[in-house]
All heavy atoms as atom14 arrays in JSON, in Angstrom:
{
  "sequence": "AQRRHARELAGTQPVHLVVFDVLETAQDGALRRRGLRERRAVLERLFR",
  "atom14_mask": [
    [1, 1, 1, 1, 1, 0, 0, 0, 0, 0, 0, 0, 0, 0],
    [1, 1, 1, 1, 1, 1, 1, 1, 1, 0, 0, 0, 0, 0],
    [1, 1, 1, 1, 1, 1, 1, 1, 1, 1, 1, 0, 0, 0],
    [1, 1, 1, 1, 1, 1, 1, 1, 1, 1, 1, 0, 0, 0],
    [1, 1, 1, 1, 1, 1, 1, 1, 1, 1, 0, 0, 0, 0],
    [1, 1, 1, 1, 1, 0, 0, 0, 0, 0, 0, 0, 0, 0],
    [1, 1, 1, 1, 1, 1, 1, 1, 1, 1, 1, 0, 0, 0],
    [1, 1, 1, 1, 1, 1, 1, 1, 1, 0, 0, 0, 0, 0],
    [1, 1, 1, 1, 1, 1, 1, 1, 0, 0, 0, 0, 0, 0],
    [1, 1, 1, 1, 1, 0, 0, 0, 0, 0, 0, 0, 0, 0],
    [1, 1, 1, 1, 0, 0, 0, 0, 0, 0, 0, 0, 0, 0],
    [1, 1, 1, 1, 1, 1, 1, 0, 0, 0, 0, 0, 0, 0],
    [1, 1, 1, 1, 1, 1, 1, 1, 1, 0, 0, 0, 0, 0],
    [1, 1, 1, 1, 1, 1, 1, 0, 0, 0, 0, 0, 0, 0],
    [1, 1, 1, 1, 1, 1, 1, 0, 0, 0, 0, 0, 0, 0],
    [1, 1, 1, 1, 1, 1, 1, 1, 1, 1, 0, 0, 0, 0],
    [1, 1, 1, 1, 1, 1, 1, 1, 0, 0, 0, 0, 0, 0],
    [1, 1, 1, 1, 1, 1, 1, 0, 0, 0, 0, 0, 0, 0],
    [1, 1, 1, 1, 1, 1, 1, 0, 0, 0, 0, 0, 0, 0],
    [1, 1, 1, 1, 1, 1, 1, 1, 1, 1, 1, 0, 0, 0],
    [1, 1, 1, 1, 1, 1, 1, 1, 0, 0, 0, 0, 0, 0],
    [1, 1, 1, 1, 1, 1, 1, 0, 0, 0, 0, 0, 0, 0],
    [1, 1, 1, 1, 1, 1, 1, 1, 0, 0, 0, 0, 0, 0],
    [1, 1, 1, 1, 1, 1, 1, 1, 1, 0, 0, 0, 0, 0],
    [1, 1, 1, 1, 1, 1, 1, 0, 0, 0, 0, 0, 0, 0],
    [1, 1, 1, 1, 1, 0, 0, 0, 0, 0, 0, 0, 0, 0],
    [1, 1, 1, 1, 1, 1, 1, 1, 1, 0, 0, 0, 0, 0],
    [1, 1, 1, 1, 1, 1, 1, 1, 0, 0, 0, 0, 0, 0],
    [1, 1, 1, 1, 0, 0, 0, 0, 0, 0, 0, 0, 0, 0],
    [1, 1, 1, 1, 1, 0, 0, 0, 0, 0, 0, 0, 0, 0],
    [1, 1, 1, 1, 1, 1, 1, 1, 0, 0, 0, 0, 0, 0],
    [1, 1, 1, 1, 1, 1, 1, 1, 1, 1, 1, 0, 0, 0],
    [1, 1, 1, 1, 1, 1, 1, 1, 1, 1, 1, 0, 0, 0],
    [1, 1, 1, 1, 1, 1, 1, 1, 1, 1, 1, 0, 0, 0],
    [1, 1, 1, 1, 0, 0, 0, 0, 0, 0, 0, 0, 0, 0],
    [1, 1, 1, 1, 1, 1, 1, 1, 0, 0, 0, 0, 0, 0],
    [1, 1, 1, 1, 1, 1, 1, 1, 1, 1, 1, 0, 0, 0],
    [1, 1, 1, 1, 1, 1, 1, 1, 1, 0, 0, 0, 0, 0],
    [1, 1, 1, 1, 1, 1, 1, 1, 1, 1, 1, 0, 0, 0],
    [1, 1, 1, 1, 1, 1, 1, 1, 1, 1, 1, 0, 0, 0],
    [1, 1, 1, 1, 1, 0, 0, 0, 0, 0, 0, 0, 0, 0],
    [1, 1, 1, 1, 1, 1, 1, 0, 0, 0, 0, 0, 0, 0],
    [1, 1, 1, 1, 1, 1, 1, 1, 0, 0, 0, 0, 0, 0],
    [1, 1, 1, 1, 1, 1, 1, 1, 1, 0, 0, 0, 0, 0],
    [1, 1, 1, 1, 1, 1, 1, 1, 1, 1, 1, 0, 0, 0],
    [1, 1, 1, 1, 1, 1, 1, 1, 0, 0, 0, 0, 0, 0],
    [1, 1, 1, 1, 1, 1, 1, 1, 1, 1, 1, 0, 0, 0],
    [1, 1, 1, 1, 1, 1, 1, 1, 1, 1, 1, 0, 0, 0]
  ],
  "atom14_positions": [
    [[0.82, -1.2, 0.0], [0.0, 0.0, 0.0], [0.87, 1.26, 0.0], [0.41, 2.32, -0.43], [-0.93, 0.0, 1.21], [0.0, 0.0, 0.0], [0.0, 0.0, 0.0], [0.0, 0.0, 0.0], [0.0, 0.0, 0.0], [0.0, 0.0, 0.0], [0.0, 0.0, 0.0], [0.0, 0.0, 0.0], [0.0, 0.0, 0.0], [0.0, 0.0, 0.0]],
    [[2.11, 1.14, 0.46], [3.04, 2.28, 0.49], [4.09, 2.18, -0.62], [5.2, 2.68, -0.49], [3.74, 2.33, 1.85], [2.8, 2.41, 3.03], [3.54, 2.32, 4.35], [4.57, 2.95, 4.55], [3.02, 1.51, 5.25], [0.0, 0.0, 0.0], [0.0, 0.0, 0.0], [0.0, 0.0, 0.0], [0.0, 0.0, 0.0], [0.0, 0.0, 0.0]],
    [[3.73, 1.52, -1.73], [4.71, 1.23, -2.77], [5.29, 2.48, -3.43], [6.32, 2.42, -4.1], [4.09, 0.32, -3.84], [2.85, 0.86, -4.51], [2.17, -0.23, -5.32], [0.93, 0.2, -5.95], [-0.24, 0.22, -5.33], [-0.32, -0.17, -4.06], [-1.34, 0.6, -5.97], [0.0, 0.0, 0.0], [0.0, 0.0, 0.0], [0.0, 0.0, 0.0]],
    [[4.65, 3.63, -3.24], [5.22, 4.86, -3.77], [6.56, 5.18, -3.1], [7.36, 5.93, -3.64], [4.25, 6.03, -3.58], [3.02, 5.97, -4.48], [2.08, 7.13, -4.2], [1.56, 7.06, -2.84], [0.77, 7.97, -2.29], [0.41, 9.03, -3.0], [0.33, 7.83, -1.05], [0.0, 0.0, 0.0], [0.0, 0.0, 0.0], [0.0, 0.0, 0.0]],
    [[6.76, 4.61, -1.91], [8.0, 4.82, -1.17], [8.87, 3.56, -1.22], [9.59, 3.26, -0.28], [7.69, 5.19, 0.28], [6.71, 6.32, 0.42], [7.03, 7.63, 0.13], [5.41, 6.33, 0.81], [5.97, 8.4, 0.33], [4.98, 7.63, 0.75], [0.0, 0.0, 0.0], [0.0, 0.0, 0.0], [0.0, 0.0, 0.0], [0.0, 0.0, 0.0]],
    [[8.78, 2.83, -2.32], [9.46, 1.54, -2.42], [10.97, 1.66, -2.21], [11.59, 0.79, -1.6], [9.17, 0.9, -3.77], [0.0, 0.0, 0.0], [0.0, 0.0, 0.0], [0.0, 0.0, 0.0], [0.0, 0.0, 0.0], [0.0, 0.0, 0.0], [0.0, 0.0, 0.0], [0.0, 0.0, 0.0], [0.0, 0.0, 0.0], [0.0, 0.0, 0.0]],
    [[11.58, 2.74, -2.69], [13.02, 2.88, -2.57], [13.44, 2.96, -1.1], [14.4, 2.32, -0.68], [13.5, 4.13, -3.32], [15.01, 4.27, -3.38], [15.4, 5.51, -4.18], [14.94, 5.45, -5.54], [15.61, 4.85, -6.52], [16.76, 4.24, -6.27], [15.14, 4.83, -7.75], [0.0, 0.0, 0.0], [0.0, 0.0, 0.0], [0.0, 0.0, 0.0]],
    [[12.71, 3.74, -0.31], [13.03, 3.84, 1.11], [12.7, 2.54, 1.86], [13.47, 2.08, 2.71], [12.26, 5.0, 1.76], [12.63, 6.37, 1.2], [11.86, 6.74, -0.04], [11.16, 5.86, -0.61], [11.95, 7.91, -0.47], [0.0, 0.0, 0.0], [0.0, 0.0, 0.0], [0.0, 0.0, 0.0], [0.0, 0.0, 0.0], [0.0, 0.0, 0.0]],
    [[11.57, 1.92, 1.51], [11.15, 0.71, 2.2], [12.06, -0.47, 1.9], [12.14, -1.41, 2.7], [9.71, 0.36, 1.81], [8.64, 1.33, 2.32], [7.29, 1.0, 1.7], [8.55, 1.3, 3.83], [0.0, 0.0, 0.0], [0.0, 0.0, 0.0], [0.0, 0.0, 0.0], [0.0, 0.0, 0.0], [0.0, 0.0, 0.0], [0.0, 0.0, 0.0]],
    [[12.74, -0.44, 0.76], [13.66, -1.53, 0.43], [14.75, -1.67, 1.48], [15.27, -2.77, 1.7], [14.27, -1.29, -0.94], [0.0, 0.0, 0.0], [0.0, 0.0, 0.0], [0.0, 0.0, 0.0], [0.0, 0.0, 0.0], [0.0, 0.0, 0.0], [0.0, 0.0, 0.0], [0.0, 0.0, 0.0], [0.0, 0.0, 0.0], [0.0, 0.0, 0.0]],
    [[15.08, -0.56, 2.16], [16.09, -0.61, 3.2], [15.54, -0.98, 4.56], [16.2, -1.66, 5.35], [0.0, 0.0, 0.0], [0.0, 0.0, 0.0], [0.0, 0.0, 0.0], [0.0, 0.0, 0.0], [0.0, 0.0, 0.0], [0.0, 0.0, 0.0], [0.0, 0.0, 0.0], [0.0, 0.0, 0.0], [0.0, 0.0, 0.0], [0.0, 0.0, 0.0]],
    [[14.31, -0.54, 4.86], [13.74, -0.76, 6.19], [12.85, -2.0, 6.26], [12.72, -2.62, 7.31], [12.92, 0.46, 6.62], [11.88, 0.71, 5.65], [13.82, 1.7, 6.71], [0.0, 0.0, 0.0], [0.0, 0.0, 0.0], [0.0, 0.0, 0.0], [0.0, 0.0, 0.0], [0.0, 0.0, 0.0], [0.0, 0.0, 0.0], [0.0, 0.0, 0.0]],
    [[12.2, -2.36, 5.15], [11.32, -3.53, 5.09], [11.62, -4.33, 3.83], [10.79, -4.4, 2.92], [9.85, -3.1, 5.12], [9.44, -2.31, 6.34], [7.98, -1.9, 6.28], [7.12, -2.65, 5.83], [7.69, -0.69, 6.72], [0.0, 0.0, 0.0], [0.0, 0.0, 0.0], [0.0, 0.0, 0.0], [0.0, 0.0, 0.0], [0.0, 0.0, 0.0]],
    [[12.78, -4.96, 3.75], [13.14, -5.69, 2.53], [12.24, -6.9, 2.3], [11.79, -7.54, 3.26], [14.58, -6.12, 2.79], [14.7, -6.16, 4.28], [13.82, -5.06, 4.79], [0.0, 0.0, 0.0], [0.0, 0.0, 0.0], [0.0, 0.0, 0.0], [0.0, 0.0, 0.0], [0.0, 0.0, 0.0], [0.0, 0.0, 0.0], [0.0, 0.0, 0.0]],
    [[11.97, -7.19, 1.05], [11.17, -8.36, 0.69], [12.06, -9.34, -0.06], [13.15, -9.0, -0.53], [9.95, -7.97, -0.18], [8.99, -7.1, 0.61], [10.4, -7.26, -1.45], [0.0, 0.0, 0.0], [0.0, 0.0, 0.0], [0.0, 0.0, 0.0], [0.0, 0.0, 0.0], [0.0, 0.0, 0.0], [0.0, 0.0, 0.0], [0.0, 0.0, 0.0]],
    [[11.59, -10.58, -0.15], [12.31, -11.63, -0.87], [11.37, -12.28, -1.86], [10.15, -12.26, -1.7], [12.86, -12.67, 0.11], [13.99, -12.16, 0.96], [13.77, -11.35, 2.06], [15.34, -12.32, 0.86], [14.93, -11.05, 2.6], [15.89, -11.62, 1.9], [0.0, 0.0, 0.0], [0.0, 0.0, 0.0], [0.0, 0.0, 0.0], [0.0, 0.0, 0.0]],
    [[11.97, -12.87, -2.88], [11.22, -13.56, -3.92], [11.5, -15.06, -3.8], [12.63, -15.49, -4.02], [11.62, -13.06, -5.3], [10.7, -13.48, -6.45], [9.38, -12.71, -6.38], [11.38, -13.24, -7.8], [0.0, 0.0, 0.0], [0.0, 0.0, 0.0], [0.0, 0.0, 0.0], [0.0, 0.0, 0.0], [0.0, 0.0, 0.0], [0.0, 0.0, 0.0]],
    [[10.48, -15.82, -3.42], [10.62, -17.28, -3.32], [10.15, -17.87, -4.64], [9.01, -17.65, -5.05], [9.78, -17.83, -2.15], [9.95, -19.35, -2.06], [10.19, -17.18, -0.84], [0.0, 0.0, 0.0], [0.0, 0.0, 0.0], [0.0, 0.0, 0.0], [0.0, 0.0, 0.0], [0.0, 0.0, 0.0], [0.0, 0.0, 0.0], [0.0, 0.0, 0.0]],
    [[11.01, -18.63, -5.31], [10.7, -19.18, -6.63], [10.32, -20.64, -6.47], [11.1, -21.46, -5.96], [11.9, -19.03, -7.59], [11.54, -19.6, -8.96], [12.3, -17.57, -7.7], [0.0, 0.0, 0.0], [0.0, 0.0, 0.0], [0.0, 0.0, 0.0], [0.0, 0.0, 0.0], [0.0, 0.0, 0.0], [0.0, 0.0, 0.0], [0.0, 0.0, 0.0]],
    [[9.12, -21.0, -6.91], [8.58, -22.34, -6.76], [8.77, -23.21, -8.0], [8.89, -24.43, -7.9], [7.08, -22.28, -6.44], [6.78, -21.66, -5.11], [6.54, -20.3, -5.01], [6.74, -22.43, -3.96], [6.26, -19.72, -3.78], [6.46, -21.87, -2.74], [6.23, -20.51, -2.64], [0.0, 0.0, 0.0], [0.0, 0.0, 0.0], [0.0, 0.0, 0.0]],
    [[8.74, -22.59, -9.18], [8.72, -23.39, -10.4], [9.29, -22.58, -11.55], [9.42, -21.35, -11.47], [7.27, -23.81, -10.72], [7.18, -25.16, -11.43], [8.18, -25.54, -12.08], [6.13, -25.81, -11.33], [0.0, 0.0, 0.0], [0.0, 0.0, 0.0], [0.0, 0.0, 0.0], [0.0, 0.0, 0.0], [0.0, 0.0, 0.0], [0.0, 0.0, 0.0]],
    [[9.65, -23.26, -12.62], [10.12, -22.62, -13.84], [9.27, -23.11, -15.0], [8.98, -24.3, -15.12], [11.62, -22.9, -14.08], [11.91, -24.38, -14.17], [12.11, -22.18, -15.34], [0.0, 0.0, 0.0], [0.0, 0.0, 0.0], [0.0, 0.0, 0.0], [0.0, 0.0, 0.0], [0.0, 0.0, 0.0], [0.0, 0.0, 0.0], [0.0, 0.0, 0.0]],
    [[8.84, -22.17, -15.83], [7.92, -22.49, -16.92], [8.61, -22.51, -18.28], [8.16, -23.2, -19.2], [6.77, -21.47, -16.96], [5.67, -21.6, -15.91], [6.18, -21.44, -14.49], [4.57, -20.58, -16.19], [0.0, 0.0, 0.0], [0.0, 0.0, 0.0], [0.0, 0.0, 0.0], [0.0, 0.0, 0.0], [0.0, 0.0, 0.0], [0.0, 0.0, 0.0]],
    [[9.7, -21.74, -18.4], [10.36, -21.65, -19.7], [11.75, -21.06, -19.53], [11.97, -20.19, -18.67], [9.52, -20.77, -20.64], [10.01, -20.71, -22.07], [9.03, -19.97, -22.97], [7.82, -20.01, -22.72], [9.52, -19.34, -23.94], [0.0, 0.0, 0.0], [0.0, 0.0, 0.0], [0.0, 0.0, 0.0], [0.0, 0.0, 0.0], [0.0, 0.0, 0.0]],
    [[12.7, -21.54, -20.34], [14.02, -20.91, -20.43], [14.42, -20.9, -21.9], [13.92, -21.7, -22.71], [15.09, -21.67, -19.62], [15.41, -22.9, -20.28], [14.64, -21.94, -18.2], [0.0, 0.0, 0.0], [0.0, 0.0, 0.0], [0.0, 0.0, 0.0], [0.0, 0.0, 0.0], [0.0, 0.0, 0.0], [0.0, 0.0, 0.0], [0.0, 0.0, 0.0]],
    [[15.36, -20.02, -22.23], [15.85, -19.97, -23.61], [16.58, -21.26, -23.98], [16.51, -21.72, -25.12], [16.78, -18.77, -23.78], [0.0, 0.0, 0.0], [0.0, 0.0, 0.0], [0.0, 0.0, 0.0], [0.0, 0.0, 0.0], [0.0, 0.0, 0.0], [0.0, 0.0, 0.0], [0.0, 0.0, 0.0], [0.0, 0.0, 0.0], [0.0, 0.0, 0.0]],
    [[17.26, -21.87, -23.02], [18.02, -23.09, -23.28], [17.12, -24.31, -23.41], [17.33, -25.17, -24.28], [19.04, -23.3, -22.16], [19.83, -24.6, -22.27], [20.83, -24.77, -21.14], [21.25, -23.8, -20.52], [21.2, -26.02, -20.86], [0.0, 0.0, 0.0], [0.0, 0.0, 0.0], [0.0, 0.0, 0.0], [0.0, 0.0, 0.0], [0.0, 0.0, 0.0]],
    [[16.09, -24.41, -22.54], [15.28, -25.63, -22.47], [13.96, -25.51, -23.22], [13.28, -26.52, -23.42], [14.99, -25.98, -21.01], [16.25, -26.13, -20.2], [16.86, -27.2, -20.24], [16.64, -25.15, -19.52], [0.0, 0.0, 0.0], [0.0, 0.0, 0.0], [0.0, 0.0, 0.0], [0.0, 0.0, 0.0], [0.0, 0.0, 0.0], [0.0, 0.0, 0.0]],
    [[13.57, -24.3, -23.59], [12.29, -24.11, -24.25], [11.15, -24.14, -23.25], [11.32, -23.95, -22.04], [0.0, 0.0, 0.0], [0.0, 0.0, 0.0], [0.0, 0.0, 0.0], [0.0, 0.0, 0.0], [0.0, 0.0, 0.0], [0.0, 0.0, 0.0], [0.0, 0.0, 0.0], [0.0, 0.0, 0.0], [0.0, 0.0, 0.0], [0.0, 0.0, 0.0]],
    [[9.95, -24.4, -23.75], [8.76, -24.45, -22.91], [8.81, -25.69, -22.01], [9.11, -26.79, -22.46], [7.5, -24.48, -23.76], [0.0, 0.0, 0.0], [0.0, 0.0, 0.0], [0.0, 0.0, 0.0], [0.0, 0.0, 0.0], [0.0, 0.0, 0.0], [0.0, 0.0, 0.0], [0.0, 0.0, 0.0], [0.0, 0.0, 0.0], [0.0, 0.0, 0.0]],
    [[8.52, -25.49, -20.72], [8.63, -26.57, -19.73], [7.29, -26.94, -19.1], [7.22, -27.87, -18.3], [9.6, -26.16, -18.62], [11.05, -25.91, -19.05], [11.82, -25.19, -17.94], [11.72, -27.23, -19.39], [0.0, 0.0, 0.0], [0.0, 0.0, 0.0], [0.0, 0.0, 0.0], [0.0, 0.0, 0.0], [0.0, 0.0, 0.0], [0.0, 0.0, 0.0]],
    [[6.23, -26.23, -19.46], [4.95, -26.44, -18.77], [4.45, -27.88, -18.88], [3.83, -28.39, -17.95], [3.91, -25.48, -19.33], [4.15, -24.01, -19.0], [3.16, -23.13, -19.76], [3.3, -21.72, -19.43], [4.19, -20.91, -20.0], [5.03, -21.41, -20.91], [4.25, -19.65, -19.66], [0.0, 0.0, 0.0], [0.0, 0.0, 0.0], [0.0, 0.0, 0.0]],
    [[4.69, -28.53, -19.99], [4.18, -29.89, -20.19], [5.11, -30.96, -19.62], [4.75, -32.14, -19.59], [3.93, -30.15, -21.68], [2.81, -29.3, -22.27], [2.57, -29.65, -23.73], [1.49, -28.88, -24.3], [0.2, -29.2, -24.21], [-0.16, -30.3, -23.57], [-0.73, -28.44, -24.77], [0.0, 0.0, 0.0], [0.0, 0.0, 0.0], [0.0, 0.0, 0.0]],
    [[6.28, -30.56, -19.19], [7.21, -31.53, -18.61], [6.88, -31.74, -17.14], [6.24, -30.9, -16.49], [8.64, -31.05, -18.78], [9.01, -30.79, -20.24], [10.49, -30.58, -20.41], [10.81, -29.95, -21.67], [12.05, -29.66, -22.06], [13.08, -29.95, -21.27], [12.27, -29.07, -23.23], [0.0, 0.0, 0.0], [0.0, 0.0, 0.0], [0.0, 0.0, 0.0]],
    [[7.34, -32.85, -16.58], [7.01, -33.19, -15.2], [7.7, -32.29, -14.19], [8.72, -31.65, -14.49], [0.0, 0.0, 0.0], [0.0, 0.0, 0.0], [0.0, 0.0, 0.0], [0.0, 0.0, 0.0], [0.0, 0.0, 0.0], [0.0, 0.0, 0.0], [0.0, 0.0, 0.0], [0.0, 0.0, 0.0], [0.0, 0.0, 0.0], [0.0, 0.0, 0.0]],
    [[7.14, -32.24, -13.01], [7.67, -31.4, -11.94], [9.13, -31.74, -11.64], [9.95, -30.85, -11.43], [6.82, -31.58, -10.67], [7.35, -30.9, -9.4], [7.43, -29.38, -9.58], [6.47, -31.25, -8.21], [0.0, 0.0, 0.0], [0.0, 0.0, 0.0], [0.0, 0.0, 0.0], [0.0, 0.0, 0.0], [0.0, 0.0, 0.0], [0.0, 0.0, 0.0]],
    [[9.46, -33.03, -11.61], [10.84, -33.43, -11.3], [11.82, -32.83, -12.3], [12.89, -32.34, -11.93], [10.95, -34.95, -11.28], [12.34, -35.45, -10.89], [12.44, -36.95, -10.94], [11.72, -37.57, -9.82], [10.61, -38.28, -9.95], [10.08, -38.45, -11.16], [10.04, -38.83, -8.91], [0.0, 0.0, 0.0], [0.0, 0.0, 0.0], [0.0, 0.0, 0.0]],
    [[11.46, -32.85, -13.58], [12.34, -32.3, -14.61], [12.42, -30.78, -14.5], [13.5, -30.18, -14.64], [11.83, -32.7, -15.99], [12.76, -32.3, -17.12], [12.3, -32.8, -18.47], [11.31, -33.58, -18.51], [12.91, -32.42, -19.48], [0.0, 0.0, 0.0], [0.0, 0.0, 0.0], [0.0, 0.0, 0.0], [0.0, 0.0, 0.0], [0.0, 0.0, 0.0]],
    [[11.3, -30.13, -14.24], [11.32, -28.67, -14.09], [12.15, -28.26, -12.88], [12.87, -27.26, -12.91], [9.88, -28.13, -13.95], [8.99, -28.39, -15.15], [7.76, -27.49, -15.15], [7.03, -27.5, -13.89], [6.11, -28.41, -13.56], [5.82, -29.41, -14.4], [5.47, -28.34, -12.41], [0.0, 0.0, 0.0], [0.0, 0.0, 0.0], [0.0, 0.0, 0.0]],
    [[12.06, -29.05, -11.81], [12.83, -28.73, -10.61], [14.33, -28.82, -10.89], [15.12, -28.0, -10.4], [12.45, -29.69, -9.48], [13.23, -29.48, -8.18], [12.88, -28.16, -7.52], [13.63, -27.96, -6.3], [13.33, -27.06, -5.37], [12.29, -26.27, -5.54], [14.06, -26.94, -4.28], [0.0, 0.0, 0.0], [0.0, 0.0, 0.0], [0.0, 0.0, 0.0]],
    [[14.75, -29.81, -11.67], [16.17, -29.95, -12.01], [16.65, -28.72, -12.78], [17.77, -28.22, -12.55], [16.4, -31.21, -12.83], [0.0, 0.0, 0.0], [0.0, 0.0, 0.0], [0.0, 0.0, 0.0], [0.0, 0.0, 0.0], [0.0, 0.0, 0.0], [0.0, 0.0, 0.0], [0.0, 0.0, 0.0], [0.0, 0.0, 0.0], [0.0, 0.0, 0.0]],
    [[15.82, -28.21, -13.69], [16.17, -27.0, -14.43], [16.27, -25.82, -13.47], [17.2, -25.0, -13.55], [15.14, -26.72, -15.54], [15.39, -25.36, -16.19], [15.17, -27.83, -16.57], [0.0, 0.0, 0.0], [0.0, 0.0, 0.0], [0.0, 0.0, 0.0], [0.0, 0.0, 0.0], [0.0, 0.0, 0.0], [0.0, 0.0, 0.0], [0.0, 0.0, 0.0]],
    [[15.32, -25.71, -12.56], [15.31, -24.59, -11.62], [16.54, -24.61, -10.71], [17.16, -23.57, -10.45], [14.02, -24.64, -10.78], [13.7, -23.44, -9.9], [13.62, -22.16, -10.73], [12.39, -23.66, -9.14], [0.0, 0.0, 0.0], [0.0, 0.0, 0.0], [0.0, 0.0, 0.0], [0.0, 0.0, 0.0], [0.0, 0.0, 0.0], [0.0, 0.0, 0.0]],
    [[16.91, -25.78, -10.23], [18.1, -25.89, -9.39], [19.36, -25.53, -10.17], [20.29, -24.93, -9.62], [18.2, -27.29, -8.8], [17.11, -27.58, -7.77], [17.18, -28.99, -7.21], [18.0, -29.79, -7.71], [16.41, -29.29, -6.28], [0.0, 0.0, 0.0], [0.0, 0.0, 0.0], [0.0, 0.0, 0.0], [0.0, 0.0, 0.0], [0.0, 0.0, 0.0]],
    [[19.37, -25.87, -11.44], [20.52, -25.48, -12.28], [20.61, -23.96, -12.4], [21.69, -23.38, -12.29], [20.36, -26.11, -13.66], [21.57, -25.91, -14.58], [21.23, -26.28, -16.0], [20.39, -25.27, -16.64], [19.45, -25.54, -17.53], [19.16, -26.79, -17.87], [18.75, -24.56, -18.07], [0.0, 0.0, 0.0], [0.0, 0.0, 0.0], [0.0, 0.0, 0.0]],
    [[19.48, -23.3, -12.58], [19.48, -21.85, -12.69], [19.97, -21.2, -11.4], [20.66, -20.17, -11.43], [18.07, -21.34, -13.01], [17.49, -21.7, -14.38], [16.03, -21.27, -14.46], [18.3, -21.05, -15.5], [0.0, 0.0, 0.0], [0.0, 0.0, 0.0], [0.0, 0.0, 0.0], [0.0, 0.0, 0.0], [0.0, 0.0, 0.0], [0.0, 0.0, 0.0]],
    [[19.63, -21.79, -10.26], [19.96, -21.17, -8.98], [21.41, -21.41, -8.55], [21.83, -20.87, -7.53], [18.98, -21.63, -7.89], [17.84, -20.68, -7.68], [16.77, -20.67, -8.56], [17.85, -19.78, -6.63], [15.72, -19.78, -8.39], [16.81, -18.89, -6.45], [15.74, -18.89, -7.32], [0.0, 0.0, 0.0], [0.0, 0.0, 0.0], [0.0, 0.0, 0.0]],
    [[22.15, -22.19, -9.29], [23.57, -22.37, -8.96], [24.35, -21.06, -9.09], [25.38, -20.89, -8.45], [24.18, -23.45, -9.86], [23.69, -24.85, -9.57], [24.42, -25.88, -10.42], [23.74, -27.17, -10.36], [23.46, -27.92, -11.42], [23.84, -27.51, -12.63], [22.85, -29.08, -11.29], [0.0, 0.0, 0.0], [0.0, 0.0, 0.0], [0.0, 0.0, 0.0]]
  ]
}
């Protein structure tokens, strides 16, 4: 609600982005139809 002050709040109230899944990459192409186990392997590779 106070996003107009996002620059100041980034220092006092930092947020984090939790990534659950990956849908597409330039290297692997579209991943939506592939199984969760395979998508997770791609996601872990990206997070290295």
